[in-house]
């Protein structure tokens, strides 16, 4: 699926089916750009979650910008509360397309909140600071923190860039603060022990960032 909605129980549904289940409640519209990822997290749903063919987030090929725009043009905007770039891959790998689509959403729906769910390694991937690219088109950056130390982070994420990935992710979060109104770092409960969540909160507090504890999904 290129665009989809989420429902209770970790269900990812095409919007047509989502509307059949509930035609009126506002919900997020999620945009899936790629299967590619520069992490290989031990807890990632892409390794654990079985999905029906009609609701799979695995892409047979990466959609073009025009294909995504067509999906957005046909979207049921009156019941959409937020547009989120997420999926089973890392959206910043397709940075140019991501920026073009965020710009397009702000053009056709200026008041629509936009969010990016990211592992925060886009600057390592592209070899430059990319935070300024999101100025005026992104409202929230949700960045996966996952752990309180570089060693634990690398053990969990198996990031392509090794142990330096942790500091690079935190630096990216600080860069984003200068251009994006809301920057949130996330950890996953049942994956991150309570005492480490406390340490993660201290890291966020020291950098003026917000911590969010995400619920773990195993199905």
N, C-alpha and C. Protein backbone atom coordinates (compact mmCIF):
# COMPACT_ATOMS: atom_id res chain seq x y z
N UNK A 1 0.84 -1.21 0.00
CA UNK A 1 0.00 0.00 0.00
C UNK A 1 0.87 1.25 0.00
N UNK A 2 0.46 2.23 -0.78
CA UNK A 2 1.15 3.52 -0.78
C UNK A 2 0.62 4.39 0.36
N UNK A 3 -0.70 4.48 0.47
CA UNK A 3 -1.30 5.20 1.61
C UNK A 3 -2.20 4.24 2.36
N UNK A 4 -2.30 4.46 3.66
CA UNK A 4 -3.07 3.54 4.48
C UNK A 4 -3.50 4.24 5.77
N UNK A 5 -4.34 3.56 6.54
CA UNK A 5 -4.76 4.05 7.86
C UNK A 5 -4.46 2.97 8.87
N UNK A 6 -4.36 3.36 10.13
CA UNK A 6 -4.13 2.37 11.19
C UNK A 6 -5.39 2.26 12.06
N UNK A 7 -5.57 1.05 12.59
CA UNK A 7 -6.71 0.79 13.47
C UNK A 7 -6.24 0.00 14.68
N UNK A 8 -7.10 -0.09 15.68
CA UNK A 8 -6.77 -0.79 16.92
C UNK A 8 -6.29 -2.22 16.61
N UNK A 9 -5.33 -2.67 17.39
CA UNK A 9 -4.80 -4.00 17.17
C UNK A 9 -3.67 -4.04 16.17
N UNK A 10 -3.17 -2.85 15.79
CA UNK A 10 -2.05 -2.80 14.86
C UNK A 10 -2.44 -3.12 13.42
N UNK A 11 -3.70 -2.86 13.05
CA UNK A 11 -4.15 -3.14 11.69
C UNK A 11 -3.77 -1.99 10.76
N UNK A 12 -3.20 -2.34 9.60
CA UNK A 12 -2.91 -1.38 8.56
C UNK A 12 -3.89 -1.65 7.42
N UNK A 13 -4.72 -0.66 7.10
CA UNK A 13 -5.80 -0.88 6.15
C UNK A 13 -5.78 0.14 5.02
N UNK A 14 -6.13 -0.29 3.79
CA UNK A 14 -6.38 0.69 2.73
C UNK A 14 -7.48 1.64 3.18
N UNK A 15 -7.42 2.87 2.70
CA UNK A 15 -8.39 3.85 3.20
C UNK A 15 -9.83 3.48 2.90
N UNK A 16 -10.06 2.83 1.77
CA UNK A 16 -11.42 2.42 1.43
C UNK A 16 -11.99 1.50 2.50
N UNK A 17 -11.17 0.54 2.95
CA UNK A 17 -11.62 -0.37 4.00
C UNK A 17 -11.72 0.34 5.34
N UNK A 18 -10.79 1.25 5.61
CA UNK A 18 -10.83 2.02 6.84
C UNK A 18 -12.14 2.80 6.95
N UNK A 19 -12.57 3.38 5.86
CA UNK A 19 -13.81 4.16 5.86
C UNK A 19 -15.03 3.29 6.02
N UNK A 20 -14.97 2.05 5.52
CA UNK A 20 -16.10 1.14 5.72
C UNK A 20 -16.26 0.80 7.20
N UNK A 21 -15.14 0.63 7.89
CA UNK A 21 -15.20 0.33 9.31
C UNK A 21 -15.68 1.52 10.13
N UNK A 22 -15.26 2.71 9.69
CA UNK A 22 -15.57 3.93 10.46
C UNK A 22 -15.53 5.11 9.50
N UNK A 23 -16.67 5.57 9.03
CA UNK A 23 -16.69 6.62 8.01
C UNK A 23 -16.50 8.04 8.51
N UNK A 24 -16.49 8.25 9.84
CA UNK A 24 -16.53 9.62 10.33
C UNK A 24 -15.38 10.03 11.24
N UNK A 25 -14.80 9.10 12.00
CA UNK A 25 -13.78 9.46 12.97
C UNK A 25 -12.50 9.93 12.28
N UNK A 26 -11.96 11.08 12.67
CA UNK A 26 -10.69 11.53 12.08
C UNK A 26 -9.57 10.54 12.36
N UNK A 27 -8.70 10.36 11.38
CA UNK A 27 -7.58 9.42 11.51
C UNK A 27 -6.40 9.92 10.70
N UNK A 28 -5.23 9.34 10.97
CA UNK A 28 -4.05 9.70 10.20
C UNK A 28 -4.02 9.02 8.85
N UNK A 29 -3.47 9.72 7.89
CA UNK A 29 -3.17 9.14 6.59
C UNK A 29 -1.67 8.88 6.54
N UNK A 30 -1.28 7.63 6.37
CA UNK A 30 0.12 7.23 6.38
C UNK A 30 0.61 7.00 4.96
N UNK A 31 1.79 7.51 4.67
CA UNK A 31 2.36 7.42 3.32
C UNK A 31 3.60 6.52 3.36
N UNK A 32 3.62 5.53 2.50
CA UNK A 32 4.65 4.50 2.46
C UNK A 32 5.48 4.70 1.18
N UNK A 33 6.74 5.11 1.31
CA UNK A 33 7.55 5.45 0.14
C UNK A 33 8.56 4.38 -0.25
N UNK A 34 8.99 3.54 0.69
CA UNK A 34 10.09 2.63 0.38
C UNK A 34 10.12 1.45 1.34
N UNK A 35 10.68 0.34 0.87
CA UNK A 35 10.99 -0.79 1.75
C UNK A 35 12.38 -0.66 2.35
N UNK A 36 13.21 0.21 1.77
CA UNK A 36 14.62 0.27 2.16
C UNK A 36 14.78 0.89 3.55
N UNK A 37 15.73 0.35 4.32
CA UNK A 37 16.03 0.90 5.63
C UNK A 37 17.50 0.72 5.93
N UNK A 38 18.08 1.70 6.63
CA UNK A 38 19.49 1.61 7.02
C UNK A 38 19.66 1.14 8.46
N UNK A 39 18.58 0.60 9.03
CA UNK A 39 18.64 -0.12 10.29
C UNK A 39 18.07 -1.52 10.08
N UNK A 40 18.37 -2.40 11.02
CA UNK A 40 17.85 -3.77 11.00
C UNK A 40 17.45 -4.12 12.43
N UNK A 41 16.49 -3.38 12.96
CA UNK A 41 16.15 -3.47 14.38
C UNK A 41 15.64 -4.86 14.76
N UNK A 42 16.10 -5.34 15.91
CA UNK A 42 15.74 -6.69 16.34
C UNK A 42 14.25 -6.81 16.63
N UNK A 43 13.59 -5.70 16.96
CA UNK A 43 12.17 -5.73 17.32
C UNK A 43 11.26 -5.26 16.20
N UNK A 44 11.81 -4.99 15.03
CA UNK A 44 11.04 -4.35 13.96
C UNK A 44 9.92 -5.25 13.46
N UNK A 45 8.74 -4.66 13.24
CA UNK A 45 7.59 -5.42 12.77
C UNK A 45 7.78 -5.94 11.36
N UNK A 46 8.67 -5.35 10.59
CA UNK A 46 8.88 -5.83 9.22
C UNK A 46 9.46 -7.24 9.24
N UNK A 47 10.06 -7.65 10.37
CA UNK A 47 10.59 -9.00 10.49
C UNK A 47 9.61 -9.94 11.17
N UNK A 48 8.63 -9.39 11.89
CA UNK A 48 7.77 -10.22 12.73
C UNK A 48 6.32 -10.25 12.29
N UNK A 49 5.86 -9.20 11.64
CA UNK A 49 4.43 -9.05 11.40
C UNK A 49 4.01 -9.70 10.08
N UNK A 50 3.09 -10.65 10.14
CA UNK A 50 2.53 -11.21 8.92
C UNK A 50 1.32 -10.37 8.51
N UNK A 51 1.22 -10.10 7.20
CA UNK A 51 0.18 -9.19 6.73
C UNK A 51 -0.50 -9.80 5.52
N UNK A 52 -1.81 -9.63 5.44
CA UNK A 52 -2.56 -10.07 4.27
C UNK A 52 -2.10 -9.28 3.05
N UNK A 53 -2.16 -9.91 1.89
CA UNK A 53 -1.66 -9.29 0.67
C UNK A 53 -2.31 -7.94 0.41
N UNK A 54 -3.62 -7.84 0.71
CA UNK A 54 -4.34 -6.60 0.40
C UNK A 54 -4.01 -5.48 1.38
N UNK A 55 -3.36 -5.80 2.50
CA UNK A 55 -3.02 -4.75 3.46
C UNK A 55 -1.53 -4.75 3.80
N UNK A 56 -0.71 -5.29 2.91
CA UNK A 56 0.72 -5.37 3.16
C UNK A 56 1.38 -4.02 2.90
N UNK A 57 2.33 -3.67 3.76
CA UNK A 57 3.11 -2.44 3.55
C UNK A 57 4.32 -2.69 2.67
N UNK A 58 4.61 -3.95 2.34
CA UNK A 58 5.72 -4.23 1.45
C UNK A 58 5.36 -3.78 0.04
N UNK A 59 6.23 -2.99 -0.55
CA UNK A 59 5.99 -2.45 -1.88
C UNK A 59 6.66 -3.34 -2.93
N UNK A 60 5.93 -3.64 -4.01
CA UNK A 60 6.55 -4.37 -5.11
C UNK A 60 7.58 -3.49 -5.82
N UNK A 61 7.35 -2.19 -5.79
CA UNK A 61 8.31 -1.21 -6.31
C UNK A 61 8.03 0.11 -5.61
N UNK A 62 8.99 0.99 -5.62
CA UNK A 62 8.80 2.30 -4.98
C UNK A 62 7.88 3.16 -5.84
N UNK A 63 6.88 3.79 -5.24
CA UNK A 63 5.97 4.63 -6.02
C UNK A 63 6.65 5.90 -6.48
N UNK A 64 6.22 6.40 -7.63
CA UNK A 64 6.70 7.69 -8.11
C UNK A 64 6.01 8.81 -7.35
N UNK A 65 6.56 9.99 -7.44
CA UNK A 65 5.93 11.15 -6.82
C UNK A 65 4.54 11.37 -7.39
N UNK A 66 4.39 11.22 -8.70
CA UNK A 66 3.07 11.42 -9.32
C UNK A 66 2.06 10.39 -8.82
N UNK A 67 2.50 9.16 -8.59
CA UNK A 67 1.58 8.14 -8.07
C UNK A 67 1.13 8.50 -6.66
N UNK A 68 2.04 8.98 -5.85
CA UNK A 68 1.65 9.38 -4.49
C UNK A 68 0.74 10.59 -4.53
N UNK A 69 1.04 11.56 -5.39
CA UNK A 69 0.18 12.73 -5.50
C UNK A 69 -1.24 12.33 -5.92
N UNK A 70 -1.36 11.37 -6.82
CA UNK A 70 -2.68 10.90 -7.24
C UNK A 70 -3.44 10.31 -6.05
N UNK A 71 -2.74 9.54 -5.22
CA UNK A 71 -3.37 8.99 -4.01
C UNK A 71 -3.80 10.11 -3.06
N UNK A 72 -2.97 11.12 -2.93
CA UNK A 72 -3.30 12.24 -2.04
C UNK A 72 -4.48 13.04 -2.59
N UNK A 73 -4.52 13.22 -3.90
CA UNK A 73 -5.63 13.96 -4.51
C UNK A 73 -6.96 13.26 -4.26
N UNK A 74 -6.93 11.93 -4.18
CA UNK A 74 -8.16 11.16 -4.00
C UNK A 74 -8.46 10.87 -2.53
N UNK A 75 -7.63 11.37 -1.63
CA UNK A 75 -7.79 11.06 -0.21
C UNK A 75 -9.04 11.71 0.38
N UNK A 76 -9.67 11.06 1.35
CA UNK A 76 -10.88 11.60 2.01
C UNK A 76 -10.48 12.63 3.07
N UNK A 77 -10.05 13.80 2.66
CA UNK A 77 -9.46 14.78 3.57
C UNK A 77 -10.35 15.18 4.74
N UNK A 78 -11.68 15.21 4.61
CA UNK A 78 -12.49 15.60 5.78
C UNK A 78 -12.32 14.69 6.99
N UNK A 79 -11.84 13.44 6.81
CA UNK A 79 -11.67 12.56 7.96
C UNK A 79 -10.19 12.30 8.25
N UNK A 80 -9.31 13.12 7.69
CA UNK A 80 -7.88 12.96 7.93
C UNK A 80 -7.42 14.03 8.92
N UNK A 81 -6.78 13.60 10.00
CA UNK A 81 -6.34 14.52 11.04
C UNK A 81 -4.86 14.87 10.91
N UNK A 82 -4.09 14.04 10.20
CA UNK A 82 -2.65 14.23 10.11
C UNK A 82 -2.14 13.37 8.96
N UNK A 83 -1.10 13.85 8.27
CA UNK A 83 -0.45 13.06 7.23
C UNK A 83 0.93 12.67 7.73
N UNK A 84 1.21 11.35 7.71
CA UNK A 84 2.42 10.81 8.32
C UNK A 84 3.21 10.02 7.28
N UNK A 85 4.49 10.36 7.14
CA UNK A 85 5.37 9.56 6.29
C UNK A 85 6.05 8.53 7.17
N UNK A 86 5.76 7.25 6.87
CA UNK A 86 6.17 6.18 7.77
C UNK A 86 6.45 4.93 6.95
N UNK A 87 5.59 3.89 7.04
CA UNK A 87 5.79 2.67 6.28
C UNK A 87 6.78 1.73 6.91
N UNK A 88 7.21 0.70 6.15
CA UNK A 88 8.14 -0.29 6.67
C UNK A 88 9.59 0.06 6.34
N UNK A 89 9.82 1.11 5.57
CA UNK A 89 11.18 1.56 5.26
C UNK A 89 11.47 2.90 5.91
N UNK A 90 12.66 3.44 5.64
CA UNK A 90 13.07 4.73 6.20
C UNK A 90 12.79 5.83 5.17
N UNK A 91 11.82 6.72 5.43
CA UNK A 91 11.42 7.71 4.43
C UNK A 91 12.53 8.62 3.96
N UNK A 92 13.50 8.98 4.82
CA UNK A 92 14.53 9.94 4.41
C UNK A 92 15.49 9.36 3.39
N UNK A 93 15.45 8.06 3.16
CA UNK A 93 16.25 7.49 2.08
C UNK A 93 15.81 8.08 0.74
N UNK A 94 14.53 8.38 0.62
CA UNK A 94 14.00 9.05 -0.59
C UNK A 94 13.76 10.53 -0.26
N UNK A 95 14.80 11.22 0.10
CA UNK A 95 14.66 12.57 0.63
C UNK A 95 14.04 13.53 -0.37
N UNK A 96 14.51 13.53 -1.59
CA UNK A 96 13.99 14.49 -2.59
C UNK A 96 12.49 14.29 -2.78
N UNK A 97 12.07 13.02 -2.89
CA UNK A 97 10.64 12.74 -3.06
C UNK A 97 9.86 13.11 -1.82
N UNK A 98 10.42 12.83 -0.66
CA UNK A 98 9.77 13.18 0.61
C UNK A 98 9.53 14.68 0.72
N UNK A 99 10.53 15.47 0.41
CA UNK A 99 10.40 16.93 0.48
C UNK A 99 9.38 17.43 -0.53
N UNK A 100 9.40 16.89 -1.73
CA UNK A 100 8.44 17.32 -2.75
C UNK A 100 7.01 17.00 -2.32
N UNK A 101 6.80 15.86 -1.70
CA UNK A 101 5.45 15.47 -1.30
C UNK A 101 4.98 16.25 -0.08
N UNK A 102 5.85 16.51 0.87
CA UNK A 102 5.49 17.36 1.99
C UNK A 102 5.11 18.76 1.51
N UNK A 103 5.87 19.28 0.57
CA UNK A 103 5.57 20.59 -0.01
C UNK A 103 4.21 20.58 -0.69
N UNK A 104 3.91 19.49 -1.40
CA UNK A 104 2.64 19.37 -2.10
C UNK A 104 1.46 19.34 -1.12
N UNK A 105 1.61 18.60 -0.03
CA UNK A 105 0.54 18.54 0.97
C UNK A 105 0.26 19.92 1.54
N UNK A 106 1.32 20.66 1.86
CA UNK A 106 1.12 22.01 2.40
C UNK A 106 0.51 22.95 1.36
N UNK A 107 0.71 22.63 0.09
CA UNK A 107 0.11 23.45 -0.98
C UNK A 107 -1.39 23.19 -1.09
N UNK A 108 -1.78 21.91 -1.08
CA UNK A 108 -3.19 21.58 -1.29
C UNK A 108 -3.99 21.60 0.00
N UNK A 109 -3.30 21.41 1.15
CA UNK A 109 -3.96 21.41 2.46
C UNK A 109 -3.07 22.16 3.44
N UNK A 110 -3.03 23.49 3.37
CA UNK A 110 -2.08 24.27 4.18
C UNK A 110 -2.19 24.03 5.68
N UNK A 111 -3.37 23.70 6.17
CA UNK A 111 -3.55 23.52 7.61
C UNK A 111 -3.37 22.07 8.07
N UNK A 112 -3.07 21.18 7.14
CA UNK A 112 -2.94 19.76 7.50
C UNK A 112 -1.63 19.51 8.25
N UNK A 113 -1.69 19.00 9.48
CA UNK A 113 -0.47 18.65 10.19
C UNK A 113 0.30 17.54 9.48
N UNK A 114 1.61 17.67 9.43
CA UNK A 114 2.45 16.66 8.79
C UNK A 114 3.45 16.12 9.80
N UNK A 115 3.75 14.82 9.67
CA UNK A 115 4.69 14.18 10.58
C UNK A 115 5.59 13.24 9.81
N UNK A 116 6.82 13.15 10.26
CA UNK A 116 7.79 12.20 9.73
C UNK A 116 8.20 11.25 10.84
N UNK A 117 8.03 9.94 10.63
CA UNK A 117 8.56 8.93 11.53
C UNK A 117 9.88 8.44 10.94
N UNK A 118 10.97 8.62 11.68
CA UNK A 118 12.30 8.37 11.10
C UNK A 118 13.24 7.76 12.14
N UNK A 119 14.24 7.05 11.64
CA UNK A 119 15.28 6.55 12.55
C UNK A 119 16.33 7.61 12.84
N UNK A 120 16.25 8.75 12.17
CA UNK A 120 17.15 9.86 12.47
C UNK A 120 18.54 9.74 11.88
N UNK A 121 18.72 8.82 10.93
CA UNK A 121 20.04 8.61 10.34
C UNK A 121 20.16 9.19 8.94
N UNK A 122 19.24 10.07 8.59
CA UNK A 122 19.23 10.65 7.25
C UNK A 122 20.47 11.47 6.93
N UNK A 123 21.03 12.12 7.94
CA UNK A 123 22.22 12.93 7.67
C UNK A 123 23.44 12.05 7.42
N UNK A 124 23.52 10.91 8.08
CA UNK A 124 24.58 9.95 7.77
C UNK A 124 24.39 9.38 6.38
N UNK A 125 23.16 9.07 6.03
CA UNK A 125 22.88 8.48 4.72
C UNK A 125 23.24 9.43 3.58
N UNK A 126 22.87 10.71 3.74
CA UNK A 126 23.08 11.68 2.66
C UNK A 126 24.40 12.42 2.76
N UNK A 127 25.09 12.28 3.88
CA UNK A 127 26.40 12.92 4.02
C UNK A 127 26.34 14.42 4.17
N UNK A 128 25.22 14.94 4.67
CA UNK A 128 25.08 16.39 4.88
C UNK A 128 23.96 16.64 5.87
N UNK A 129 23.88 17.85 6.40
CA UNK A 129 22.75 18.24 7.24
C UNK A 129 21.51 18.40 6.36
N UNK A 130 20.42 17.79 6.76
CA UNK A 130 19.20 17.83 5.95
C UNK A 130 18.04 18.51 6.67
N UNK A 131 18.23 18.90 7.92
CA UNK A 131 17.12 19.42 8.71
C UNK A 131 16.46 20.64 8.07
N UNK A 132 17.26 21.53 7.49
CA UNK A 132 16.70 22.75 6.90
C UNK A 132 15.76 22.45 5.74
N UNK A 133 15.89 21.29 5.13
CA UNK A 133 15.01 20.92 4.01
C UNK A 133 13.55 20.84 4.46
N UNK A 134 13.32 20.65 5.76
CA UNK A 134 11.96 20.44 6.26
C UNK A 134 11.30 21.72 6.77
N UNK A 135 11.98 22.84 6.65
CA UNK A 135 11.44 24.11 7.15
C UNK A 135 10.12 24.45 6.46
N UNK A 136 9.12 24.76 7.25
CA UNK A 136 7.80 25.22 6.80
C UNK A 136 6.94 24.13 6.16
N UNK A 137 7.42 22.89 6.07
CA UNK A 137 6.61 21.84 5.47
C UNK A 137 6.38 20.65 6.41
N UNK A 138 7.12 20.61 7.52
CA UNK A 138 6.98 19.50 8.46
C UNK A 138 6.65 20.06 9.84
N UNK A 139 5.60 19.50 10.45
CA UNK A 139 5.18 19.96 11.77
C UNK A 139 5.78 19.15 12.91
N UNK A 140 5.95 17.84 12.70
CA UNK A 140 6.46 16.98 13.75
C UNK A 140 7.46 15.98 13.19
N UNK A 141 8.60 15.87 13.86
CA UNK A 141 9.57 14.82 13.56
C UNK A 141 9.58 13.86 14.73
N UNK A 142 9.25 12.60 14.48
CA UNK A 142 9.27 11.56 15.50
C UNK A 142 10.47 10.66 15.21
N UNK A 143 11.45 10.69 16.09
CA UNK A 143 12.74 10.05 15.85
C UNK A 143 12.93 8.91 16.84
N UNK A 144 13.32 7.74 16.35
CA UNK A 144 13.49 6.56 17.19
C UNK A 144 14.77 6.65 18.01
N UNK A 145 14.62 6.79 19.32
CA UNK A 145 15.77 6.83 20.22
C UNK A 145 16.22 5.42 20.60
N UNK A 146 15.27 4.62 21.04
CA UNK A 146 15.46 3.18 21.26
C UNK A 146 16.30 2.79 22.48
N UNK A 147 17.30 3.56 22.87
CA UNK A 147 18.18 3.17 23.97
C UNK A 147 18.87 4.40 24.53
N UNK A 148 19.50 4.23 25.70
CA UNK A 148 20.13 5.35 26.38
C UNK A 148 21.64 5.42 26.16
N UNK A 149 22.21 4.41 25.52
CA UNK A 149 23.65 4.43 25.24
C UNK A 149 23.90 4.00 23.80
N UNK A 150 25.05 4.40 23.29
CA UNK A 150 25.40 4.05 21.91
C UNK A 150 25.52 2.54 21.73
N UNK A 151 26.05 1.87 22.74
CA UNK A 151 26.25 0.43 22.64
C UNK A 151 24.92 -0.32 22.58
N UNK A 152 23.99 0.05 23.46
CA UNK A 152 22.68 -0.61 23.46
C UNK A 152 21.90 -0.25 22.20
N UNK A 153 22.03 1.00 21.76
CA UNK A 153 21.36 1.44 20.54
C UNK A 153 21.81 0.59 19.35
N UNK A 154 23.11 0.41 19.20
CA UNK A 154 23.62 -0.36 18.07
C UNK A 154 23.21 -1.83 18.18
N UNK A 155 23.20 -2.37 19.39
CA UNK A 155 22.78 -3.76 19.57
C UNK A 155 21.33 -3.97 19.14
N UNK A 156 20.48 -2.98 19.45
CA UNK A 156 19.07 -3.08 19.10
C UNK A 156 18.79 -2.78 17.62
N UNK A 157 19.45 -1.75 17.10
CA UNK A 157 19.11 -1.29 15.75
C UNK A 157 19.96 -1.92 14.66
N UNK A 158 21.16 -2.38 15.00
CA UNK A 158 22.11 -2.91 14.02
C UNK A 158 22.24 -1.94 12.84
N UNK A 159 22.36 -0.65 13.18
CA UNK A 159 22.40 0.42 12.18
C UNK A 159 23.58 0.24 11.23
N UNK A 160 23.39 0.63 10.00
CA UNK A 160 24.38 0.41 8.95
C UNK A 160 25.69 1.16 9.19
N UNK A 161 25.66 2.20 10.04
CA UNK A 161 26.83 3.06 10.21
C UNK A 161 27.58 2.78 11.51
N UNK A 162 27.17 1.71 12.21
CA UNK A 162 27.91 1.32 13.39
C UNK A 162 27.61 2.16 14.61
N UNK A 163 28.56 2.16 15.55
CA UNK A 163 28.36 2.76 16.86
C UNK A 163 28.15 4.27 16.80
N UNK A 164 28.65 4.93 15.76
CA UNK A 164 28.50 6.38 15.66
C UNK A 164 27.06 6.80 15.36
N UNK A 165 26.22 5.83 15.03
CA UNK A 165 24.84 6.15 14.64
C UNK A 165 24.07 6.83 15.77
N UNK A 166 24.32 6.44 17.01
CA UNK A 166 23.58 7.00 18.15
C UNK A 166 23.79 8.50 18.27
N UNK A 167 25.04 8.93 18.28
CA UNK A 167 25.32 10.36 18.39
C UNK A 167 24.81 11.12 17.17
N UNK A 168 24.90 10.50 16.00
CA UNK A 168 24.42 11.15 14.78
C UNK A 168 22.91 11.36 14.83
N UNK A 169 22.19 10.37 15.38
CA UNK A 169 20.74 10.48 15.51
C UNK A 169 20.36 11.61 16.46
N UNK A 170 21.07 11.73 17.60
CA UNK A 170 20.80 12.81 18.55
C UNK A 170 21.15 14.17 17.96
N UNK A 171 22.22 14.23 17.21
CA UNK A 171 22.60 15.49 16.55
C UNK A 171 21.55 15.89 15.53
N UNK A 172 21.04 14.91 14.79
CA UNK A 172 19.96 15.19 13.83
C UNK A 172 18.74 15.76 14.54
N UNK A 173 18.40 15.19 15.70
CA UNK A 173 17.25 15.70 16.46
C UNK A 173 17.47 17.15 16.85
N UNK A 174 18.69 17.49 17.26
CA UNK A 174 18.98 18.88 17.63
C UNK A 174 18.93 19.79 16.42
N UNK A 175 19.40 19.32 15.28
CA UNK A 175 19.29 20.12 14.05
C UNK A 175 17.82 20.38 13.70
N UNK A 176 17.00 19.34 13.85
CA UNK A 176 15.59 19.48 13.48
C UNK A 176 14.87 20.49 14.36
N UNK A 177 15.29 20.64 15.60
CA UNK A 177 14.67 21.61 16.50
C UNK A 177 14.69 23.02 15.92
N UNK A 178 15.67 23.31 15.07
CA UNK A 178 15.80 24.66 14.51
C UNK A 178 14.82 24.93 13.38
N UNK A 179 14.19 23.87 12.85
CA UNK A 179 13.37 24.04 11.64
C UNK A 179 11.98 23.41 11.74
N UNK A 180 11.77 22.55 12.72
CA UNK A 180 10.51 21.81 12.85
C UNK A 180 9.91 22.13 14.21
N UNK A 181 8.63 22.50 14.28
CA UNK A 181 8.04 22.93 15.56
C UNK A 181 8.07 21.87 16.66
N UNK A 182 7.85 20.62 16.30
CA UNK A 182 7.77 19.56 17.31
C UNK A 182 8.75 18.45 16.95
N UNK A 183 9.68 18.18 17.86
CA UNK A 183 10.64 17.10 17.69
C UNK A 183 10.50 16.16 18.88
N UNK A 184 10.18 14.90 18.60
CA UNK A 184 9.91 13.91 19.64
C UNK A 184 10.85 12.73 19.45
N UNK A 185 11.45 12.27 20.53
CA UNK A 185 12.23 11.05 20.50
C UNK A 185 11.40 9.93 21.11
N UNK A 186 11.47 8.73 20.54
CA UNK A 186 10.61 7.65 20.99
C UNK A 186 11.41 6.43 21.43
N UNK A 187 10.85 5.72 22.42
CA UNK A 187 11.32 4.40 22.81
C UNK A 187 10.11 3.48 22.83
N UNK A 188 10.37 2.18 22.83
CA UNK A 188 9.29 1.19 22.78
C UNK A 188 9.24 0.44 24.10
N UNK A 189 8.07 0.43 24.74
CA UNK A 189 7.96 -0.32 25.98
C UNK A 189 8.09 -1.83 25.69
N UNK A 190 8.47 -2.59 26.68
CA UNK A 190 8.77 -4.02 26.58
C UNK A 190 10.07 -4.29 25.84
N UNK A 191 10.56 -3.29 25.10
CA UNK A 191 11.87 -3.40 24.47
C UNK A 191 12.89 -2.64 25.30
N UNK A 192 12.49 -1.46 25.79
CA UNK A 192 13.34 -0.63 26.63
C UNK A 192 12.92 -0.80 28.10
N UNK A 193 13.81 -1.29 28.97
CA UNK A 193 13.45 -1.47 30.39
C UNK A 193 13.10 -0.14 31.04
N UNK A 194 12.26 -0.18 32.11
CA UNK A 194 11.84 1.06 32.78
C UNK A 194 12.99 1.94 33.25
N UNK A 195 14.05 1.33 33.80
CA UNK A 195 15.16 2.15 34.27
C UNK A 195 15.89 2.83 33.12
N UNK A 196 15.89 2.19 31.96
CA UNK A 196 16.54 2.82 30.80
C UNK A 196 15.66 3.90 30.20
N UNK A 197 14.35 3.71 30.28
CA UNK A 197 13.44 4.76 29.84
C UNK A 197 13.70 6.03 30.64
N UNK A 198 13.96 5.87 31.94
CA UNK A 198 14.29 7.03 32.78
C UNK A 198 15.56 7.72 32.28
N UNK A 199 16.56 6.94 31.90
CA UNK A 199 17.79 7.52 31.37
C UNK A 199 17.54 8.21 30.03
N UNK A 200 16.67 7.63 29.21
CA UNK A 200 16.31 8.26 27.93
C UNK A 200 15.63 9.60 28.16
N UNK A 201 14.79 9.65 29.19
CA UNK A 201 14.11 10.90 29.51
C UNK A 201 15.11 11.99 29.91
N UNK A 202 16.16 11.59 30.64
CA UNK A 202 17.19 12.55 31.02
C UNK A 202 17.93 13.08 29.79
N UNK A 203 18.19 12.19 28.83
CA UNK A 203 18.84 12.61 27.59
C UNK A 203 17.99 13.65 26.88
N UNK A 204 16.69 13.38 26.78
CA UNK A 204 15.79 14.31 26.11
C UNK A 204 15.70 15.64 26.85
N UNK A 205 15.58 15.57 28.16
CA UNK A 205 15.49 16.79 28.95
C UNK A 205 16.74 17.65 28.76
N UNK A 206 17.89 17.01 28.69
CA UNK A 206 19.15 17.77 28.58
C UNK A 206 19.27 18.46 27.23
N UNK A 207 18.53 17.97 26.24
CA UNK A 207 18.62 18.53 24.89
C UNK A 207 17.36 19.29 24.50
N UNK A 208 16.45 19.46 25.44
CA UNK A 208 15.23 20.19 25.16
C UNK A 208 14.29 19.47 24.23
N UNK A 209 14.29 18.14 24.31
CA UNK A 209 13.46 17.32 23.44
C UNK A 209 12.39 16.61 24.27
N UNK A 210 11.37 16.11 23.60
CA UNK A 210 10.28 15.40 24.25
C UNK A 210 10.45 13.90 24.04
N UNK A 211 10.22 13.10 25.08
CA UNK A 211 10.27 11.65 24.97
C UNK A 211 8.85 11.10 24.92
N UNK A 212 8.62 10.17 24.03
CA UNK A 212 7.34 9.45 23.98
C UNK A 212 7.62 7.96 24.04
N UNK A 213 6.89 7.26 24.91
CA UNK A 213 7.03 5.81 25.03
C UNK A 213 5.94 5.15 24.19
N UNK A 214 6.37 4.44 23.16
CA UNK A 214 5.44 3.79 22.24
C UNK A 214 5.08 2.41 22.73
N UNK A 215 3.83 2.00 22.48
CA UNK A 215 3.39 0.65 22.84
C UNK A 215 3.97 -0.35 21.86
N UNK A 216 4.44 -1.46 22.36
CA UNK A 216 5.01 -2.52 21.54
C UNK A 216 3.89 -3.33 20.88
N UNK A 217 4.03 -3.61 19.58
CA UNK A 217 3.09 -4.45 18.86
C UNK A 217 3.83 -5.72 18.44
N UNK A 218 3.24 -6.87 18.75
CA UNK A 218 3.88 -8.14 18.38
C UNK A 218 3.07 -8.97 17.42
N UNK A 219 2.04 -8.36 16.85
CA UNK A 219 1.22 -9.11 15.89
C UNK A 219 0.80 -8.21 14.75
